[in-house]
Amino acid sequence: MPYTTSRVVSSQKRFATRGTNKKELPEPLSPPPEALIDTQELLQFLKLGKTKISELINQEGLPVHKFGNTYRFDRNEVWQWLQNRRQIL
């Protein structure tokens, strides 16, 4: 029994020394979106038609997340895209 106790302590010390490495930790991920909206909700949000939404995705870089055959949009990303586009024009 004492052998396992000392072994656990030594492994804890070994892991403690690994944590002192001065490598930079990766940036934390941004929080998840509040909710992803579907195409119909985006149409109502932007008050545009499906054809115009498709054009904005393909030609203007409207941010979209594709899951299989469905498209989802992060309302915050779309809003930020609109603000950036407004500054360019």
C-alpha atoms as a PDB file:
ATOM      1  CA  MET A   1       0.000   0.000   0.000  1.00  0.00           C
ATOM      2  CA  PRO A   2       2.711   2.585   0.785  1.00  0.00           C
ATOM      3  CA  TYR A   3       4.287   1.806  -2.573  1.00  0.00           C
ATOM      4  CA  THR A   4       1.198   2.990  -4.451  1.00  0.00           C
ATOM      5  CA  THR A   5       0.970   6.129  -2.313  1.00  0.00           C
ATOM      6  CA  SER A   6       4.542   7.125  -3.046  1.00  0.00           C
ATOM      7  CA  ARG A   7       4.026   6.312  -6.714  1.00  0.00           C
ATOM      8  CA  VAL A   8       1.014   8.626  -6.895  1.00  0.00           C
ATOM      9  CA  VAL A   9       2.955  11.423  -5.222  1.00  0.00           C
ATOM     10  CA  SER A  10       5.883  11.006  -7.586  1.00  0.00           C
ATOM     11  CA  SER A  11       3.603  11.045 -10.635  1.00  0.00           C
ATOM     12  CA  GLN A  12       1.942  14.193  -9.314  1.00  0.00           C
ATOM     13  CA  LYS A  13       5.351  15.830  -8.991  1.00  0.00           C
ATOM     14  CA  ARG A  14       6.196  14.767 -12.517  1.00  0.00           C
ATOM     15  CA  PHE A  15       3.028  16.345 -13.893  1.00  0.00           C
ATOM     16  CA  ALA A  16       3.622  19.477 -11.827  1.00  0.00           C
ATOM     17  CA  THR A  17       6.997  19.998 -13.493  1.00  0.00           C
ATOM     18  CA  ARG A  18       5.420  19.632 -16.927  1.00  0.00           C
ATOM     19  CA  GLY A  19       3.066  22.520 -16.227  1.00  0.00           C
ATOM     20  CA  THR A  20       5.934  24.940 -15.708  1.00  0.00           C
ATOM     21  CA  ASN A  21       6.854  24.925 -19.390  1.00  0.00           C
ATOM     22  CA  LYS A  22       6.761  28.467 -20.746  1.00  0.00           C
ATOM     23  CA  LYS A  23       4.848  27.637 -23.941  1.00  0.00           C
ATOM     24  CA  GLU A  24       2.031  30.009 -24.693  1.00  0.00           C
ATOM     25  CA  LEU A  25      -1.422  28.621 -24.231  1.00  0.00           C
ATOM     26  CA  PRO A  26      -3.807  28.860 -27.174  1.00  0.00           C
ATOM     27  CA  GLU A  27      -6.315  31.699 -27.219  1.00  0.00           C
ATOM     28  CA  PRO A  28      -9.588  30.756 -25.529  1.00  0.00           C
ATOM     29  CA  LEU A  29     -12.469  30.169 -27.874  1.00  0.00           C
ATOM     30  CA  SER A  30     -15.120  32.812 -28.150  1.00  0.00           C
ATOM     31  CA  PRO A  31     -18.411  31.961 -26.471  1.00  0.00           C
ATOM     32  CA  PRO A  32     -20.883  30.000 -28.545  1.00  0.00           C
ATOM     33  CA  PRO A  33     -23.488  31.982 -30.464  1.00  0.00           C
ATOM     34  CA  GLU A  34     -26.707  32.720 -28.644  1.00  0.00           C
ATOM     35  CA  ALA A  35     -28.641  30.871 -31.289  1.00  0.00           C
ATOM     36  CA  LEU A  36     -28.157  30.013 -34.906  1.00  0.00           C
ATOM     37  CA  ILE A  37     -31.026  31.125 -37.085  1.00  0.00           C
ATOM     38  CA  ASP A  38     -32.262  29.382 -40.211  1.00  0.00           C
ATOM     39  CA  THR A  39     -32.772  30.881 -43.642  1.00  0.00           C
ATOM     40  CA  GLN A  40     -36.382  31.887 -43.012  1.00  0.00           C
ATOM     41  CA  GLU A  41     -35.432  33.840 -39.900  1.00  0.00           C
ATOM     42  CA  LEU A  42     -32.579  35.503 -41.798  1.00  0.00           C
ATOM     43  CA  LEU A  43     -35.006  36.509 -44.556  1.00  0.00           C
ATOM     44  CA  GLN A  44     -37.182  38.204 -41.949  1.00  0.00           C
ATOM     45  CA  PHE A  45     -34.179  39.743 -40.167  1.00  0.00           C
ATOM     46  CA  LEU A  46     -32.733  41.295 -43.344  1.00  0.00           C
ATOM     47  CA  LYS A  47     -36.075  41.708 -45.143  1.00  0.00           C
ATOM     48  CA  LEU A  48     -34.600  40.193 -48.307  1.00  0.00           C
ATOM     49  CA  GLY A  49     -35.515  37.335 -50.645  1.00  0.00           C
ATOM     50  CA  LYS A  50     -33.874  33.934 -51.034  1.00  0.00           C
ATOM     51  CA  THR A  51     -32.177  34.911 -54.282  1.00  0.00           C
ATOM     52  CA  LYS A  52     -30.536  37.965 -52.730  1.00  0.00           C
ATOM     53  CA  ILE A  53     -29.407  35.931 -49.703  1.00  0.00           C
ATOM     54  CA  SER A  54     -27.795  33.382 -52.052  1.00  0.00           C
ATOM     55  CA  GLU A  55     -26.019  36.176 -53.919  1.00  0.00           C
ATOM     56  CA  LEU A  56     -24.739  37.665 -50.647  1.00  0.00           C
ATOM     57  CA  ILE A  57     -23.403  34.276 -49.542  1.00  0.00           C
ATOM     58  CA  ASN A  58     -21.692  33.459 -52.828  1.00  0.00           C
ATOM     59  CA  GLN A  59     -20.460  36.886 -53.926  1.00  0.00           C
ATOM     60  CA  GLU A  60     -20.254  39.121 -50.866  1.00  0.00           C
ATOM     61  CA  GLY A  61     -19.097  36.672 -48.179  1.00  0.00           C
ATOM     62  CA  LEU A  62     -22.148  36.614 -45.911  1.00  0.00           C
ATOM     63  CA  PRO A  63     -21.082  34.319 -43.011  1.00  0.00           C
ATOM     64  CA  VAL A  64     -22.907  31.009 -43.062  1.00  0.00           C
ATOM     65  CA  HIS A  65     -22.596  27.612 -41.363  1.00  0.00           C
ATOM     66  CA  LYS A  66     -23.652  24.657 -43.482  1.00  0.00           C
ATOM     67  CA  PHE A  67     -24.859  21.461 -41.837  1.00  0.00           C
ATOM     68  CA  GLY A  68     -25.631  18.906 -44.522  1.00  0.00           C
ATOM     69  CA  ASN A  69     -28.161  20.584 -46.784  1.00  0.00           C
ATOM     70  CA  THR A  70     -29.227  23.220 -44.282  1.00  0.00           C
ATOM     71  CA  TYR A  71     -27.767  26.658 -43.709  1.00  0.00           C
ATOM     72  CA  ARG A  72     -27.575  28.336 -40.317  1.00  0.00           C
ATOM     73  CA  PHE A  73     -26.553  31.894 -39.557  1.00  0.00           C
ATOM     74  CA  ASP A  74     -25.186  33.414 -36.372  1.00  0.00           C
ATOM     75  CA  ARG A  75     -27.128  36.630 -35.873  1.00  0.00           C
ATOM     76  CA  ASN A  76     -24.080  38.347 -34.287  1.00  0.00           C
ATOM     77  CA  GLU A  77     -21.808  37.382 -37.194  1.00  0.00           C
ATOM     78  CA  VAL A  78     -24.374  38.651 -39.702  1.00  0.00           C
ATOM     79  CA  TRP A  79     -24.700  41.916 -37.772  1.00  0.00           C
ATOM     80  CA  GLN A  80     -20.909  42.336 -37.655  1.00  0.00           C
ATOM     81  CA  TRP A  81     -20.711  41.558 -41.394  1.00  0.00           C
ATOM     82  CA  LEU A  82     -23.319  44.251 -42.058  1.00  0.00           C
ATOM     83  CA  GLN A  83     -21.380  46.789 -39.972  1.00  0.00           C
ATOM     84  CA  ASN A  84     -18.101  45.988 -41.756  1.00  0.00           C
ATOM     85  CA  ARG A  85     -19.801  46.188 -45.142  1.00  0.00           C
ATOM     86  CA  ARG A  86     -21.309  49.539 -44.210  1.00  0.00           C
ATOM     87  CA  GLN A  87     -17.874  50.964 -43.367  1.00  0.00           C
ATOM     88  CA  ILE A  88     -16.460  49.826 -46.733  1.00  0.00           C
ATOM     89  CA  LEU A  89     -19.217  51.437 -48.762  1.00  0.00           C
END
